[in-house]
Amino acid sequence: MNLFPNNEHKVERIIRVIVGAGVLSLFFVGPQTPWALLGIVPLATGALGSCPLYTLFGISTCSVSKHQKTAT
């Protein structure tokens, strides 16, 4: 079992990094609330390309690579 399987699409990863960085910036620039630290979660999952909840529920938004397709 892979601890951090790649289960996020490239576009989703980019969106997660942007949203995470935006929310995290509120900790330093905006209202400076500790809740802004939650931006670390989408930032980290986007950077790693692996979402623990996706792994738990068996979800993947990645496209199937050529070597993973089964022969029909």
Protein backbone atom coordinates (compact mmCIF):
# COMPACT_ATOMS: atom_id res chain seq x y z
CA MET A 1 0.00 0.00 0.00
CA ASN A 2 1.34 3.39 -1.01
CA LEU A 3 1.20 6.00 1.77
CA PHE A 4 0.76 8.95 -0.60
CA PRO A 5 -0.79 7.64 -3.83
CA ASN A 6 -1.15 10.19 -6.60
CA ASN A 7 -4.93 10.67 -6.70
CA GLU A 8 -5.42 14.29 -7.80
CA HIS A 9 -5.70 15.69 -11.31
CA LYS A 10 -3.15 18.35 -12.33
CA VAL A 11 -5.80 21.08 -12.59
CA GLU A 12 -7.18 20.16 -9.15
CA ARG A 13 -3.67 20.33 -7.69
CA ILE A 14 -3.14 23.83 -9.09
CA ILE A 15 -6.50 24.99 -7.73
CA ARG A 16 -5.74 23.53 -4.29
CA VAL A 17 -2.35 25.27 -4.13
CA ILE A 18 -3.85 28.63 -5.16
CA VAL A 19 -6.76 28.37 -2.71
CA GLY A 20 -4.51 27.14 0.09
CA ALA A 21 -2.02 29.96 -0.44
CA GLY A 22 -4.85 32.49 -0.58
CA VAL A 23 -6.44 31.30 2.66
CA LEU A 24 -3.07 31.01 4.38
CA SER A 25 -2.19 34.57 3.35
CA LEU A 26 -5.14 35.78 5.45
CA PHE A 27 -3.17 34.70 8.52
CA PHE A 28 -0.42 37.18 7.67
CA VAL A 29 -2.22 39.97 5.78
CA GLY A 30 -5.96 39.80 6.38
CA PRO A 31 -7.88 39.58 9.62
CA GLN A 32 -5.05 37.46 11.07
CA THR A 33 -7.33 34.78 12.46
CA PRO A 34 -5.98 31.34 13.43
CA TRP A 35 -8.65 29.79 11.18
CA ALA A 36 -6.57 30.93 8.21
CA LEU A 37 -4.04 28.23 9.11
CA LEU A 38 -6.51 25.74 7.60
CA GLY A 39 -5.08 26.90 4.27
CA ILE A 40 -2.17 24.56 4.98
CA VAL A 41 -4.41 21.55 4.22
CA PRO A 42 -5.23 22.30 0.56
CA LEU A 43 -1.75 23.72 0.04
CA ALA A 44 -0.10 20.51 1.29
CA THR A 45 -2.45 18.13 -0.51
CA GLY A 46 -2.02 20.08 -3.74
CA ALA A 47 1.75 20.06 -3.41
CA LEU A 48 1.85 16.34 -2.67
CA GLY A 49 -0.78 15.39 -5.23
CA SER A 50 -2.40 13.09 -2.71
CA CYS A 51 -5.56 13.65 -0.68
CA PRO A 52 -5.97 11.42 2.40
CA LEU A 53 -9.77 11.53 2.15
CA TYR A 54 -9.60 10.43 -1.49
CA THR A 55 -7.38 7.53 -0.43
CA LEU A 56 -9.76 6.59 2.39
CA PHE A 57 -12.80 6.51 0.09
CA GLY A 58 -10.98 5.09 -2.95
CA ILE A 59 -11.53 8.22 -5.07
CA SER A 60 -9.12 9.40 -7.74
CA THR A 61 -9.46 12.34 -10.10
CA CYS A 62 -6.31 11.37 -12.01
CA SER A 63 -6.68 10.22 -15.54
CA VAL A 64 -5.79 6.57 -16.07
CA SER A 65 -2.29 6.20 -17.42
CA LYS A 66 -1.59 3.94 -20.41
CA HIS A 67 0.14 1.20 -18.43
CA GLN A 68 -2.79 0.91 -15.99
CA LYS A 69 -5.43 0.20 -18.67
CA THR A 70 -6.56 -3.39 -18.91
CA ALA A 71 -6.58 -5.19 -22.22
CA THR A 72 -10.02 -5.89 -23.67
